[in-house]
Amino acid sequence: MNIPITDLKSKLLKLVGLNISLAWKGYGSAIFLELGNLTKEETTRSHNAIGEACIWLEWDWRVEKNGRIQFGSSNNSPEIEKGITHLVGLKIEKIEINGEVPELTVSLSNGYRIQTMAMVTGDPRWAIRQTDSTYLSWENSNAVENRGDEAGPEDTIEERAYINLTEEIAERLGRPCEEPVAGNCGNCGFFFPIDGDFSLLDYGLCLNKSSKFDQHAVRTDSGCPVFLEA
């Protein structure tokens, strides 16, 4: 259902003051920010809780502070995973839309500012699940509010197939590890993460000739005795 843009702006204001209780990464570079009190629920995600409301950002987006980009949707999967952990516990101080094609700007209590900026043909790639379980978005040059069974940040068949494929690959690769672990591979200077279409995998290539995993795929939380901090 189309709504006036003034209504969209006033509805966004209702999110001000809520904390980010859970931040999680979806398909590709999409991230989800669960807001307010969490409720346990059966899901197909890597967690089983949802917030009172949720901000969904697909591509592209970035997190800014003090005139510098902290991280964004073009970072690799492990970097995005690490970056969004720093969003948990922060309070939304301001949320607004800007531009002829409305993009979200979310200001947080520590000075972070999340900015969306879609760079592909079509609509802005963001959506808001409100406290009444309806969704806000911008589609076909209009502000839109829909029920949860009509719209929202759900996986498409293609996205679910891709996620299933990455999970299958991850199960096959396992979690290479050798004791004593001096540090996680994701923080090692010899770890080169997988990027591109398969950045959803938390794997990379070990290029430490002193490690038994040299030239092999390792997970970000793998480790070995010859860890070298990046």
Protein backbone atom coordinates (compact mmCIF):
# COMPACT_ATOMS: atom_id res chain seq x y z
CA MET A 1 0.00 0.00 0.00
CA ASN A 2 1.41 3.39 -1.02
CA ILE A 3 1.63 6.00 1.73
CA PRO A 4 2.59 9.72 1.71
CA ILE A 5 6.29 10.32 2.19
CA THR A 6 5.43 12.44 5.24
CA ASP A 7 3.91 9.33 6.83
CA LEU A 8 7.05 7.34 6.00
CA LYS A 9 9.22 9.94 7.73
CA SER A 10 7.01 10.05 10.84
CA LYS A 11 6.98 6.25 11.10
CA LEU A 12 10.78 6.14 10.94
CA LEU A 13 10.93 8.50 13.94
CA LYS A 14 9.36 5.76 16.07
CA LEU A 15 12.64 3.81 15.86
CA VAL A 16 14.60 6.59 17.58
CA GLY A 17 15.71 5.54 21.06
CA LEU A 18 15.74 1.80 20.34
CA ASN A 19 18.98 -0.14 20.84
CA ILE A 20 20.51 -2.51 18.30
CA SER A 21 20.10 -5.79 20.18
CA LEU A 22 21.35 -8.14 17.48
CA ALA A 23 23.21 -7.58 14.20
CA TRP A 24 23.51 -10.40 11.70
CA LYS A 25 24.67 -10.91 8.14
CA GLY A 26 22.39 -12.36 5.48
CA TYR A 27 22.84 -13.21 1.82
CA GLY A 28 25.79 -11.48 0.13
CA SER A 29 26.43 -8.16 1.85
CA ALA A 30 22.94 -7.79 3.36
CA ILE A 31 22.82 -7.02 7.08
CA PHE A 32 19.95 -7.05 9.55
CA LEU A 33 19.77 -4.88 12.66
CA GLU A 34 17.29 -6.25 15.21
CA LEU A 35 16.06 -3.47 17.50
CA GLY A 36 14.68 -3.41 21.04
CA ASN A 37 13.78 -6.44 23.12
CA LEU A 38 14.52 -9.81 21.52
CA THR A 39 11.97 -12.60 21.28
CA LYS A 40 12.92 -16.23 20.74
CA GLU A 41 11.52 -17.63 17.51
CA GLU A 42 12.15 -20.59 15.23
CA THR A 43 14.02 -19.33 12.16
CA THR A 44 16.22 -20.68 9.38
CA ARG A 45 18.88 -18.15 10.29
CA SER A 46 22.04 -18.57 12.33
CA HIS A 47 20.11 -17.27 15.35
CA ASN A 48 16.63 -17.77 16.75
CA ALA A 49 15.64 -14.32 17.96
CA ILE A 50 13.96 -11.28 16.46
CA GLY A 51 13.67 -7.74 17.77
CA GLU A 52 10.70 -5.45 18.25
CA ALA A 53 11.66 -3.90 14.91
CA CYS A 54 14.35 -4.52 12.30
CA ILE A 55 16.36 -2.50 9.78
CA TRP A 56 17.37 -4.47 6.67
CA LEU A 57 20.13 -3.11 4.42
CA GLU A 58 21.08 -4.93 1.24
CA TRP A 59 23.57 -3.22 -1.10
CA ASP A 60 25.19 -0.79 -0.97
CA TRP A 61 25.79 0.69 2.47
CA ARG A 62 28.61 1.96 4.66
CA VAL A 63 29.30 2.85 8.28
CA GLU A 64 30.97 6.24 8.76
CA LYS A 65 32.57 8.07 11.68
CA ASN A 66 34.76 11.17 11.91
CA GLY A 67 34.98 11.62 8.15
CA ARG A 68 36.15 8.04 7.58
CA ILE A 69 34.45 4.86 6.35
CA GLN A 70 34.73 2.26 9.11
CA PHE A 71 33.46 -0.63 6.96
CA GLY A 72 30.85 -1.25 4.30
CA SER A 73 29.13 -3.63 1.92
CA SER A 74 32.21 -3.88 -0.32
CA ASN A 75 34.31 -5.34 2.51
CA ASN A 76 34.71 -9.11 2.50
CA SER A 77 32.41 -11.35 4.53
CA PRO A 78 34.65 -11.74 7.63
CA GLU A 79 35.22 -7.98 7.80
CA ILE A 80 31.48 -7.29 7.62
CA GLU A 81 30.80 -9.94 10.28
CA LYS A 82 33.40 -8.36 12.56
CA GLY A 83 32.24 -4.82 11.87
CA ILE A 84 28.57 -5.34 12.68
CA THR A 85 29.43 -6.78 16.10
CA HIS A 86 30.43 -3.22 17.08
CA LEU A 87 26.90 -2.02 16.32
CA VAL A 88 25.28 -4.15 19.03
CA GLY A 89 24.24 -2.13 22.07
CA LEU A 90 24.24 1.23 20.27
CA LYS A 91 21.14 3.41 20.37
CA ILE A 92 19.46 4.97 17.34
CA GLU A 93 19.66 8.74 17.82
CA LYS A 94 18.33 9.81 14.42
CA ILE A 95 16.92 8.10 11.34
CA GLU A 96 16.00 9.96 8.18
CA ILE A 97 15.70 9.60 4.42
CA ASN A 98 17.59 11.75 1.94
CA GLY A 99 17.69 12.29 -1.81
CA GLU A 100 15.30 12.12 -4.75
CA VAL A 101 15.65 8.34 -4.56
CA PRO A 102 15.28 8.06 -0.77
CA GLU A 103 18.17 6.44 1.04
CA LEU A 104 18.42 5.81 4.77
CA THR A 105 20.76 7.60 7.13
CA VAL A 106 20.89 6.11 10.64
CA SER A 107 22.86 7.98 13.33
CA LEU A 108 23.99 5.94 16.35
CA SER A 109 24.96 6.85 19.88
CA ASN A 110 28.72 6.36 19.45
CA GLY A 111 29.00 8.70 16.47
CA TYR A 112 28.59 5.98 13.83
CA ARG A 113 26.38 6.87 10.88
CA ILE A 114 24.98 4.16 8.61
CA GLN A 115 24.32 5.34 5.07
CA THR A 116 22.63 3.35 2.30
CA MET A 117 23.42 4.10 -1.36
CA ALA A 118 22.10 1.63 -3.94
CA MET A 119 24.22 1.48 -7.11
CA VAL A 120 22.09 -0.87 -9.23
CA THR A 121 19.03 -0.26 -11.42
CA GLY A 122 15.79 -0.26 -9.46
CA ASP A 123 14.71 0.76 -5.97
CA PRO A 124 16.73 1.57 -2.84
CA ARG A 125 17.71 -1.68 -1.15
CA TRP A 126 16.44 -1.15 2.38
CA ALA A 127 13.36 -2.14 4.37
CA ILE A 128 12.09 -1.58 7.90
CA ARG A 129 10.05 -4.06 9.92
CA GLN A 130 8.00 -1.96 12.32
CA THR A 131 6.86 -2.89 15.82
CA ASP A 132 3.44 -3.90 14.41
CA SER A 133 5.16 -6.35 11.99
CA THR A 134 4.38 -4.25 8.90
CA TYR A 135 7.18 -3.29 6.52
CA LEU A 136 8.27 0.07 5.17
CA SER A 137 10.21 0.44 1.92
CA TRP A 138 10.48 2.55 -1.22
CA GLU A 139 9.24 0.86 -4.40
CA ASN A 140 8.48 2.20 -7.88
CA SER A 141 8.92 5.84 -6.83
CA ASN A 142 6.57 5.49 -3.85
CA ALA A 143 6.74 5.02 -0.11
CA VAL A 144 5.17 1.63 0.64
CA GLU A 145 3.81 -0.04 3.78
CA ASN A 146 2.94 -3.74 3.58
CA ARG A 147 1.95 -6.57 5.87
CA GLY A 148 4.58 -9.17 6.68
CA ASP A 149 3.00 -11.73 4.34
CA GLU A 150 3.23 -9.28 1.43
CA ALA A 151 6.73 -7.90 1.76
CA GLY A 152 9.87 -7.91 3.81
CA PRO A 153 13.46 -9.06 3.90
CA GLU A 154 12.96 -12.74 3.17
CA ASP A 155 15.29 -15.02 1.21
CA THR A 156 14.33 -15.66 -2.41
CA ILE A 157 14.56 -19.18 -3.85
CA GLU A 158 17.84 -18.18 -5.52
CA GLU A 159 19.22 -16.77 -2.26
CA ARG A 160 18.24 -19.85 -0.26
CA ALA A 161 19.86 -22.13 -2.88
CA TYR A 162 23.05 -20.08 -2.66
CA ILE A 163 23.07 -20.21 1.15
CA ASN A 164 22.51 -23.99 1.07
CA LEU A 165 25.44 -24.33 -1.33
CA THR A 166 27.78 -22.33 0.90
CA GLU A 167 26.71 -24.35 3.94
CA GLU A 168 27.43 -27.57 2.02
CA ILE A 169 30.88 -26.29 1.03
CA ALA A 170 31.61 -25.20 4.61
CA GLU A 171 30.68 -28.67 5.90
CA ARG A 172 33.01 -30.28 3.36
CA LEU A 173 35.95 -27.98 4.17
CA GLY A 174 35.53 -28.33 7.92
CA ARG A 175 37.52 -26.28 10.44
CA PRO A 176 41.25 -26.95 10.04
CA CYS A 177 43.05 -26.44 13.34
CA GLU A 178 46.36 -27.39 14.94
CA GLU A 179 47.21 -27.07 18.63
CA PRO A 180 48.49 -25.06 20.31
CA VAL A 181 46.45 -22.33 18.64
CA ALA A 182 48.29 -19.02 18.86
CA GLY A 183 45.47 -17.02 17.24
CA ASN A 184 42.58 -17.22 14.79
CA CYS A 185 43.34 -17.35 11.07
CA GLY A 186 41.00 -14.42 10.38
CA ASN A 187 43.39 -12.17 12.31
CA CYS A 188 46.58 -13.62 10.81
CA GLY A 189 48.73 -11.71 8.36
CA PHE A 190 49.01 -14.79 6.13
CA PHE A 191 45.23 -15.22 5.76
CA PHE A 192 43.69 -14.16 2.43
CA PRO A 193 39.86 -14.25 2.61
CA ILE A 194 37.63 -15.60 -0.13
CA ASP A 195 35.85 -12.71 -1.79
CA GLY A 196 33.47 -12.20 -4.70
CA ASP A 197 30.41 -14.42 -5.09
CA PHE A 198 31.54 -16.75 -2.32
CA SER A 199 32.43 -14.12 0.27
CA LEU A 200 29.56 -15.53 2.34
CA LEU A 201 31.93 -18.35 3.23
CA ASP A 202 34.06 -17.61 6.30
CA TYR A 203 37.07 -19.18 4.60
CA GLY A 204 40.30 -18.02 3.08
CA LEU A 205 43.69 -19.26 1.91
CA CYS A 206 46.64 -19.79 4.25
CA LEU A 207 49.92 -18.61 2.68
CA ASN A 208 52.21 -19.15 5.64
CA LYS A 209 54.95 -21.52 4.46
CA SER A 210 55.67 -22.42 8.09
CA SER A 211 52.12 -23.69 8.66
CA LYS A 212 50.81 -27.17 7.89
CA PHE A 213 47.86 -25.39 6.25
CA ASP A 214 50.01 -23.51 3.72
CA GLN A 215 48.09 -23.24 0.39
CA HIS A 216 44.98 -24.77 1.99
CA ALA A 217 41.55 -23.35 2.80
CA VAL A 218 41.08 -22.42 6.46
CA ARG A 219 38.21 -20.82 8.37
CA THR A 220 38.41 -17.43 10.03
CA ASP A 221 38.23 -19.18 13.42
CA SER A 222 40.79 -21.84 12.50
CA GLY A 223 44.26 -21.55 13.99
CA CYS A 224 47.74 -22.98 14.36
CA PRO A 225 50.96 -22.41 16.39
CA VAL A 226 52.60 -20.09 13.81
CA PHE A 227 49.94 -17.39 13.89
CA LEU A 228 51.26 -13.93 12.99
CA GLU A 229 49.04 -10.99 13.93
CA ALA A 230 48.01 -8.87 10.94
